[in-house]
PDB file of N, CA and C in Angstrom:
ATOM      1  N   UNK A   1      75.566 107.995 -11.997  1.00  0.00           N
ATOM      2  CA  UNK A   1      76.745 108.670 -11.504  1.00  0.00           C
ATOM      3  C   UNK A   1      76.529 110.184 -11.466  1.00  0.00           C
ATOM      4  N   UNK A   2      75.982 110.736 -12.566  1.00  0.00           N
ATOM      5  CA  UNK A   2      75.756 112.181 -12.630  1.00  0.00           C
ATOM      6  C   UNK A   2      74.826 112.627 -11.507  1.00  0.00           C
ATOM      7  N   UNK A   3      73.752 111.843 -11.259  1.00  0.00           N
ATOM      8  CA  UNK A   3      72.789 112.207 -10.210  1.00  0.00           C
ATOM      9  C   UNK A   3      73.467 112.228  -8.840  1.00  0.00           C
ATOM     10  N   UNK A   4      74.356 111.292  -8.590  1.00  0.00           N
ATOM     11  CA  UNK A   4      75.078 111.264  -7.309  1.00  0.00           C
ATOM     12  C   UNK A   4      75.951 112.504  -7.146  1.00  0.00           C
ATOM     13  N   UNK A   5      76.581 112.927  -8.214  1.00  0.00           N
ATOM     14  CA  UNK A   5      77.421 114.125  -8.164  1.00  0.00           C
ATOM     15  C   UNK A   5      76.562 115.360  -7.893  1.00  0.00           C
ATOM     16  N   UNK A   6      75.434 115.470  -8.596  1.00  0.00           N
ATOM     17  CA  UNK A   6      74.537 116.618  -8.404  1.00  0.00           C
ATOM     18  C   UNK A   6      74.025 116.646  -6.968  1.00  0.00           C
ATOM     19  N   UNK A   7      73.607 115.498  -6.444  1.00  0.00           N
ATOM     20  CA  UNK A   7      73.112 115.444  -5.065  1.00  0.00           C
ATOM     21  C   UNK A   7      74.198 115.821  -4.069  1.00  0.00           C
ATOM     22  N   UNK A   8      75.438 115.421  -4.327  1.00  0.00           N
ATOM     23  CA  UNK A   8      76.544 115.795  -3.455  1.00  0.00           C
ATOM     24  C   UNK A   8      76.743 117.309  -3.469  1.00  0.00           C
ATOM     25  N   UNK A   9      76.712 117.888  -4.656  1.00  0.00           N
ATOM     26  CA  UNK A   9      76.901 119.337  -4.782  1.00  0.00           C
ATOM     27  C   UNK A   9      75.783 120.089  -4.072  1.00  0.00           C
ATOM     28  N   UNK A  10      74.531 119.658  -4.281  1.00  0.00           N
ATOM     29  CA  UNK A  10      73.398 120.305  -3.607  1.00  0.00           C
ATOM     30  C   UNK A  10      73.562 120.237  -2.091  1.00  0.00           C
ATOM     31  N   UNK A  11      73.976 119.081  -1.585  1.00  0.00           N
ATOM     32  CA  UNK A  11      74.172 118.924  -0.144  1.00  0.00           C
ATOM     33  C   UNK A  11      75.274 119.824   0.381  1.00  0.00           C
ATOM     34  N   UNK A  12      76.363 119.917  -0.363  1.00  0.00           N
ATOM     35  CA  UNK A  12      77.485 120.761   0.052  1.00  0.00           C
ATOM     36  C   UNK A  12      77.090 122.227   0.058  1.00  0.00           C
ATOM     37  N   UNK A  13      76.367 122.638  -0.943  1.00  0.00           N
ATOM     38  CA  UNK A  13      75.937 124.041  -1.021  1.00  0.00           C
ATOM     39  C   UNK A  13      75.000 124.364   0.127  1.00  0.00           C
ATOM     40  N   UNK A  14      74.050 123.476   0.405  1.00  0.00           N
ATOM     41  CA  UNK A  14      73.093 123.755   1.468  1.00  0.00           C
ATOM     42  C   UNK A  14      73.774 123.837   2.825  1.00  0.00           C
ATOM     43  N   UNK A  15      74.876 123.120   3.013  1.00  0.00           N
ATOM     44  CA  UNK A  15      75.604 123.189   4.276  1.00  0.00           C
ATOM     45  C   UNK A  15      76.436 124.471   4.371  1.00  0.00           C
ATOM     46  N   UNK A  16      76.839 124.995   3.241  1.00  0.00           N
ATOM     47  CA  UNK A  16      77.672 126.200   3.242  1.00  0.00           C
ATOM     48  C   UNK A  16      76.858 127.455   3.528  1.00  0.00           C
ATOM     49  N   UNK A  17      75.596 127.452   3.146  1.00  0.00           N
ATOM     50  CA  UNK A  17      74.777 128.649   3.272  1.00  0.00           C
ATOM     51  C   UNK A  17      73.565 128.382   4.148  1.00  0.00           C
ATOM     52  N   UNK A  18      73.275 129.283   5.022  1.00  0.00           N
ATOM     53  CA  UNK A  18      72.077 129.202   5.826  1.00  0.00           C
ATOM     54  C   UNK A  18      71.013 130.027   5.112  1.00  0.00           C
ATOM     55  N   UNK A  19      69.990 129.360   4.603  1.00  0.00           N
ATOM     56  CA  UNK A  19      68.976 130.011   3.774  1.00  0.00           C
ATOM     57  C   UNK A  19      68.327 131.192   4.475  1.00  0.00           C
ATOM     58  N   UNK A  20      67.993 131.030   5.734  1.00  0.00           N
ATOM     59  CA  UNK A  20      67.295 132.115   6.421  1.00  0.00           C
ATOM     60  C   UNK A  20      68.189 133.338   6.608  1.00  0.00           C
ATOM     61  N   UNK A  21      69.487 133.121   6.838  1.00  0.00           N
ATOM     62  CA  UNK A  21      70.408 134.254   6.954  1.00  0.00           C
ATOM     63  C   UNK A  21      70.531 134.996   5.630  1.00  0.00           C
ATOM     64  N   UNK A  22      70.641 134.255   4.544  1.00  0.00           N
ATOM     65  CA  UNK A  22      70.739 134.878   3.223  1.00  0.00           C
ATOM     66  C   UNK A  22      69.462 135.656   2.918  1.00  0.00           C
ATOM     67  N   UNK A  23      68.320 135.056   3.204  1.00  0.00           N
ATOM     68  CA  UNK A  23      67.043 135.738   2.956  1.00  0.00           C
ATOM     69  C   UNK A  23      66.959 137.028   3.759  1.00  0.00           C
ATOM     70  N   UNK A  24      67.412 136.980   4.999  1.00  0.00           N
ATOM     71  CA  UNK A  24      67.384 138.174   5.842  1.00  0.00           C
ATOM     72  C   UNK A  24      68.325 139.245   5.283  1.00  0.00           C
ATOM     73  N   UNK A  25      69.516 138.837   4.858  1.00  0.00           N
ATOM     74  CA  UNK A  25      70.495 139.788   4.314  1.00  0.00           C
ATOM     75  C   UNK A  25      69.968 140.507   3.081  1.00  0.00           C
ATOM     76  N   UNK A  26      69.176 139.809   2.259  1.00  0.00           N
ATOM     77  CA  UNK A  26      68.675 140.387   1.020  1.00  0.00           C
ATOM     78  C   UNK A  26      67.200 140.772   1.097  1.00  0.00           C
ATOM     79  N   UNK A  27      66.651 140.766   2.321  1.00  0.00           N
ATOM     80  CA  UNK A  27      65.271 141.169   2.552  1.00  0.00           C
ATOM     81  C   UNK A  27      64.282 140.363   1.690  1.00  0.00           C
ATOM     82  N   UNK A  28      64.416 139.039   1.725  1.00  0.00           N
ATOM     83  CA  UNK A  28      63.550 138.142   0.963  1.00  0.00           C
ATOM     84  C   UNK A  28      62.570 137.476   1.922  1.00  0.00           C
ATOM     85  N   UNK A  29      61.288 137.587   1.636  1.00  0.00           N
ATOM     86  CA  UNK A  29      60.258 136.924   2.423  1.00  0.00           C
ATOM     87  C   UNK A  29      60.097 135.503   1.874  1.00  0.00           C
ATOM     88  N   UNK A  30      60.656 134.529   2.566  1.00  0.00           N
ATOM     89  CA  UNK A  30      60.632 133.152   2.076  1.00  0.00           C
ATOM     90  C   UNK A  30      59.219 132.593   1.975  1.00  0.00           C
ATOM     91  N   UNK A  31      58.294 133.090   2.790  1.00  0.00           N
ATOM     92  CA  UNK A  31      56.917 132.593   2.724  1.00  0.00           C
ATOM     93  C   UNK A  31      56.222 133.025   1.434  1.00  0.00           C
ATOM     94  N   UNK A  32      56.787 134.015   0.758  1.00  0.00           N
ATOM     95  CA  UNK A  32      56.246 134.473  -0.526  1.00  0.00           C
ATOM     96  C   UNK A  32      57.117 134.017  -1.696  1.00  0.00           C
ATOM     97  N   UNK A  33      58.092 133.167  -1.402  1.00  0.00           N
ATOM     98  CA  UNK A  33      59.025 132.681  -2.417  1.00  0.00           C
ATOM     99  C   UNK A  33      58.679 131.253  -2.822  1.00  0.00           C
ATOM    100  N   UNK A  34      59.169 130.858  -3.988  1.00  0.00           N
ATOM    101  CA  UNK A  34      58.933 129.514  -4.509  1.00  0.00           C
ATOM    102  C   UNK A  34      60.233 128.763  -4.670  1.00  0.00           C
ATOM    103  N   UNK A  35      60.209 127.498  -4.293  1.00  0.00           N
ATOM    104  CA  UNK A  35      61.278 126.566  -4.616  1.00  0.00           C
ATOM    105  C   UNK A  35      60.699 125.656  -5.683  1.00  0.00           C
ATOM    106  N   UNK A  36      61.285 125.705  -6.867  1.00  0.00           N
ATOM    107  CA  UNK A  36      60.817 124.881  -7.980  1.00  0.00           C
ATOM    108  C   UNK A  36      61.864 123.801  -8.214  1.00  0.00           C
ATOM    109  N   UNK A  37      61.421 122.549  -8.203  1.00  0.00           N
ATOM    110  CA  UNK A  37      62.362 121.467  -8.384  1.00  0.00           C
ATOM    111  C   UNK A  37      61.717 120.239  -8.983  1.00  0.00           C
ATOM    112  N   UNK A  38      62.569 119.266  -9.265  1.00  0.00           N
ATOM    113  CA  UNK A  38      62.075 118.047  -9.920  1.00  0.00           C
ATOM    114  C   UNK A  38      62.296 116.798  -9.087  1.00  0.00           C
ATOM    115  N   UNK A  39      62.529 116.975  -7.786  1.00  0.00           N
ATOM    116  CA  UNK A  39      62.764 115.799  -6.944  1.00  0.00           C
ATOM    117  C   UNK A  39      62.217 116.024  -5.534  1.00  0.00           C
ATOM    118  N   UNK A  40      62.125 114.941  -4.815  1.00  0.00           N
ATOM    119  CA  UNK A  40      61.672 115.008  -3.424  1.00  0.00           C
ATOM    120  C   UNK A  40      62.606 115.884  -2.603  1.00  0.00           C
ATOM    121  N   UNK A  41      63.911 115.776  -2.838  1.00  0.00           N
ATOM    122  CA  UNK A  41      64.874 116.581  -2.086  1.00  0.00           C
ATOM    123  C   UNK A  41      64.684 118.070  -2.325  1.00  0.00           C
ATOM    124  N   UNK A  42      64.352 118.457  -3.539  1.00  0.00           N
ATOM    125  CA  UNK A  42      64.097 119.868  -3.839  1.00  0.00           C
ATOM    126  C   UNK A  42      62.884 120.369  -3.047  1.00  0.00           C
ATOM    127  N   UNK A  43      61.846 119.545  -3.006  1.00  0.00           N
ATOM    128  CA  UNK A  43      60.629 119.935  -2.285  1.00  0.00           C
ATOM    129  C   UNK A  43      60.905 120.010  -0.791  1.00  0.00           C
ATOM    130  N   UNK A  44      61.662 119.069  -0.267  1.00  0.00           N
ATOM    131  CA  UNK A  44      62.028 119.094   1.154  1.00  0.00           C
ATOM    132  C   UNK A  44      62.821 120.351   1.494  1.00  0.00           C
ATOM    133  N   UNK A  45      63.772 120.697   0.628  1.00  0.00           N
ATOM    134  CA  UNK A  45      64.598 121.886   0.869  1.00  0.00           C
ATOM    135  C   UNK A  45      63.740 123.144   0.895  1.00  0.00           C
ATOM    136  N   UNK A  46      62.826 123.255  -0.063  1.00  0.00           N
ATOM    137  CA  UNK A  46      61.944 124.422  -0.097  1.00  0.00           C
ATOM    138  C   UNK A  46      61.035 124.495   1.113  1.00  0.00           C
ATOM    139  N   UNK A  47      60.514 123.361   1.511  1.00  0.00           N
ATOM    140  CA  UNK A  47      59.638 123.312   2.681  1.00  0.00           C
ATOM    141  C   UNK A  47      60.400 123.715   3.941  1.00  0.00           C
ATOM    142  N   UNK A  48      61.603 123.171   4.102  1.00  0.00           N
ATOM    143  CA  UNK A  48      62.413 123.519   5.273  1.00  0.00           C
ATOM    144  C   UNK A  48      62.773 125.001   5.304  1.00  0.00           C
ATOM    145  N   UNK A  49      62.931 125.594   4.132  1.00  0.00           N
ATOM    146  CA  UNK A  49      63.259 127.014   4.059  1.00  0.00           C
ATOM    147  C   UNK A  49      62.027 127.891   4.292  1.00  0.00           C
ATOM    148  N   UNK A  50      60.843 127.287   4.251  1.00  0.00           N
ATOM    149  CA  UNK A  50      59.618 128.057   4.458  1.00  0.00           C
ATOM    150  C   UNK A  50      59.026 128.600   3.174  1.00  0.00           C
ATOM    151  N   UNK A  51      59.443 128.037   2.034  1.00  0.00           N
ATOM    152  CA  UNK A  51      58.952 128.487   0.732  1.00  0.00           C
ATOM    153  C   UNK A  51      57.737 127.677   0.291  1.00  0.00           C
ATOM    154  N   UNK A  52      56.999 128.235  -0.660  1.00  0.00           N
ATOM    155  CA  UNK A  52      56.018 127.454  -1.390  1.00  0.00           C
ATOM    156  C   UNK A  52      56.818 126.571  -2.333  1.00  0.00           C
ATOM    157  N   UNK A  53      56.331 125.373  -2.608  1.00  0.00           N
ATOM    158  CA  UNK A  53      57.109 124.441  -3.422  1.00  0.00           C
ATOM    159  C   UNK A  53      56.313 123.968  -4.628  1.00  0.00           C
ATOM    160  N   UNK A  54      57.015 123.835  -5.749  1.00  0.00           N
ATOM    161  CA  UNK A  54      56.390 123.369  -6.983  1.00  0.00           C
ATOM    162  C   UNK A  54      57.251 122.255  -7.569  1.00  0.00           C
ATOM    163  N   UNK A  55      56.623 121.115  -7.764  1.00  0.00           N
ATOM    164  CA  UNK A  55      57.280 119.967  -8.373  1.00  0.00           C
ATOM    165  C   UNK A  55      57.041 120.025  -9.877  1.00  0.00           C
ATOM    166  N   UNK A  56      58.115 120.059 -10.652  1.00  0.00           N
ATOM    167  CA  UNK A  56      57.988 120.121 -12.112  1.00  0.00           C
ATOM    168  C   UNK A  56      58.662 118.915 -12.743  1.00  0.00           C
ATOM    169  N   UNK A  57      58.243 118.608 -13.943  1.00  0.00           N
ATOM    170  CA  UNK A  57      58.891 117.528 -14.669  1.00  0.00           C
ATOM    171  C   UNK A  57      57.906 116.580 -15.297  1.00  0.00           C
ATOM    172  N   UNK A  58      58.293 115.349 -15.319  1.00  0.00           N
ATOM    173  CA  UNK A  58      57.507 114.328 -15.988  1.00  0.00           C
ATOM    174  C   UNK A  58      56.150 114.129 -15.317  1.00  0.00           C
ATOM    175  N   UNK A  59      55.196 113.699 -16.106  1.00  0.00           N
ATOM    176  CA  UNK A  59      53.849 113.488 -15.578  1.00  0.00           C
ATOM    177  C   UNK A  59      53.796 112.348 -14.578  1.00  0.00           C
ATOM    178  N   UNK A  60      54.848 111.548 -14.486  1.00  0.00           N
ATOM    179  CA  UNK A  60      54.871 110.469 -13.497  1.00  0.00           C
ATOM    180  C   UNK A  60      54.816 111.011 -12.073  1.00  0.00           C
ATOM    181  N   UNK A  61      55.106 112.306 -11.903  1.00  0.00           N
ATOM    182  CA  UNK A  61      55.049 112.897 -10.568  1.00  0.00           C
ATOM    183  C   UNK A  61      53.645 112.857  -9.991  1.00  0.00           C
ATOM    184  N   UNK A  62      52.639 112.635 -10.842  1.00  0.00           N
ATOM    185  CA  UNK A  62      51.273 112.569 -10.349  1.00  0.00           C
ATOM    186  C   UNK A  62      51.098 111.465  -9.315  1.00  0.00           C
ATOM    187  N   UNK A  63      51.929 110.439  -9.380  1.00  0.00           N
ATOM    188  CA  UNK A  63      51.773 109.351  -8.423  1.00  0.00           C
ATOM    189  C   UNK A  63      52.536 109.602  -7.122  1.00  0.00           C
ATOM    190  N   UNK A  64      53.261 110.704  -7.038  1.00  0.00           N
ATOM    191  CA  UNK A  64      54.014 111.038  -5.838  1.00  0.00           C
ATOM    192  C   UNK A  64      53.422 112.253  -5.157  1.00  0.00           C
ATOM    193  N   UNK A  65      53.500 112.260  -3.838  1.00  0.00           N
ATOM    194  CA  UNK A  65      53.075 113.430  -3.076  1.00  0.00           C
ATOM    195  C   UNK A  65      54.147 113.710  -2.033  1.00  0.00           C
ATOM    196  N   UNK A  66      54.892 114.772  -2.263  1.00  0.00           N
ATOM    197  CA  UNK A  66      55.959 115.153  -1.352  1.00  0.00           C
ATOM    198  C   UNK A  66      55.544 116.332  -0.477  1.00  0.00           C
ATOM    199  N   UNK A  67      54.266 116.692  -0.524  1.00  0.00           N
ATOM    200  CA  UNK A  67      53.786 117.832   0.244  1.00  0.00           C
ATOM    201  C   UNK A  67      53.984 119.152  -0.470  1.00  0.00           C
ATOM    202  N   UNK A  68      54.196 119.099  -1.779  1.00  0.00           N
ATOM    203  CA  UNK A  68      54.429 120.310  -2.568  1.00  0.00           C
ATOM    204  C   UNK A  68      53.147 121.144  -2.669  1.00  0.00           C
ATOM    205  N   UNK A  69      53.329 122.427  -2.921  1.00  0.00           N
ATOM    206  CA  UNK A  69      52.210 123.342  -3.103  1.00  0.00           C
ATOM    207  C   UNK A  69      51.498 123.076  -4.415  1.00  0.00           C
ATOM    208  N   UNK A  70      52.247 122.745  -5.459  1.00  0.00           N
ATOM    209  CA  UNK A  70      51.677 122.537  -6.787  1.00  0.00           C
ATOM    210  C   UNK A  70      52.549 121.555  -7.572  1.00  0.00           C
ATOM    211  N   UNK A  71      51.957 120.930  -8.581  1.00  0.00           N
ATOM    212  CA  UNK A  71      52.678 120.056  -9.516  1.00  0.00           C
ATOM    213  C   UNK A  71      52.419 120.552 -10.920  1.00  0.00           C
ATOM    214  N   UNK A  72      53.482 120.748 -11.680  1.00  0.00           N
ATOM    215  CA  UNK A  72      53.354 121.232 -13.054  1.00  0.00           C
ATOM    216  C   UNK A  72      54.288 120.440 -13.962  1.00  0.00           C
ATOM    217  N   UNK A  73      54.006 120.496 -15.260  1.00  0.00           N
ATOM    218  CA  UNK A  73      54.805 119.733 -16.214  1.00  0.00           C
ATOM    219  C   UNK A  73      56.143 120.377 -16.558  1.00  0.00           C
ATOM    220  N   UNK A  74      56.260 121.707 -16.437  1.00  0.00           N
ATOM    221  CA  UNK A  74      57.489 122.365 -16.890  1.00  0.00           C
ATOM    222  C   UNK A  74      57.688 123.712 -16.213  1.00  0.00           C
ATOM    223  N   UNK A  75      58.899 124.243 -16.339  1.00  0.00           N
ATOM    224  CA  UNK A  75      59.177 125.595 -15.855  1.00  0.00           C
ATOM    225  C   UNK A  75      58.373 126.626 -16.645  1.00  0.00           C
ATOM    226  N   UNK A  76      58.172 126.346 -17.913  1.00  0.00           N
ATOM    227  CA  UNK A  76      57.367 127.230 -18.749  1.00  0.00           C
ATOM    228  C   UNK A  76      55.948 127.336 -18.181  1.00  0.00           C
ATOM    229  N   UNK A  77      55.379 126.207 -17.801  1.00  0.00           N
ATOM    230  CA  UNK A  77      54.041 126.209 -17.209  1.00  0.00           C
ATOM    231  C   UNK A  77      54.043 126.970 -15.878  1.00  0.00           C
ATOM    232  N   UNK A  78      55.102 126.812 -15.090  1.00  0.00           N
ATOM    233  CA  UNK A  78      55.233 127.551 -13.832  1.00  0.00           C
ATOM    234  C   UNK A  78      55.237 129.059 -14.096  1.00  0.00           C
ATOM    235  N   UNK A  79      56.036 129.487 -15.057  1.00  0.00           N
ATOM    236  CA  UNK A  79      56.127 130.919 -15.370  1.00  0.00           C
ATOM    237  C   UNK A  79      54.792 131.473 -15.832  1.00  0.00           C
ATOM    238  N   UNK A  80      54.092 130.722 -16.669  1.00  0.00           N
ATOM    239  CA  UNK A  80      52.793 131.185 -17.146  1.00  0.00           C
ATOM    240  C   UNK A  80      51.749 131.253 -16.036  1.00  0.00           C
ATOM    241  N   UNK A  81      51.831 130.353 -15.100  1.00  0.00           N
ATOM    242  CA  UNK A  81      50.823 130.292 -14.044  1.00  0.00           C
ATOM    243  C   UNK A  81      51.076 131.317 -12.938  1.00  0.00           C
ATOM    244  N   UNK A  82      52.329 131.548 -12.584  1.00  0.00           N
ATOM    245  CA  UNK A  82      52.646 132.363 -11.407  1.00  0.00           C
ATOM    246  C   UNK A  82      53.181 133.766 -11.734  1.00  0.00           C
ATOM    247  N   UNK A  83      53.459 134.063 -13.002  1.00  0.00           N
ATOM    248  CA  UNK A  83      53.991 135.405 -13.308  1.00  0.00           C
ATOM    249  C   UNK A  83      53.142 136.122 -14.299  1.00  0.00           C
TER     250      UNK A  83
END
């Protein structure tokens, strides 16, 4: 149930805001930006926005390929690797 609510909220938010317009308004180069997420939908959203994508979370993600730029175990690992 919780996952369905979260997915609904993510969908509603993405429809309310046009990512490229927001990026332009704030002078953000999406090709140099990262979308970090733990699901296929997160990776799809980042790819559609033109971002590099990083799949984080459980090691079971090794068996999935959503076209992400990188796969890592945690946000902590992402921060250490990219910052």
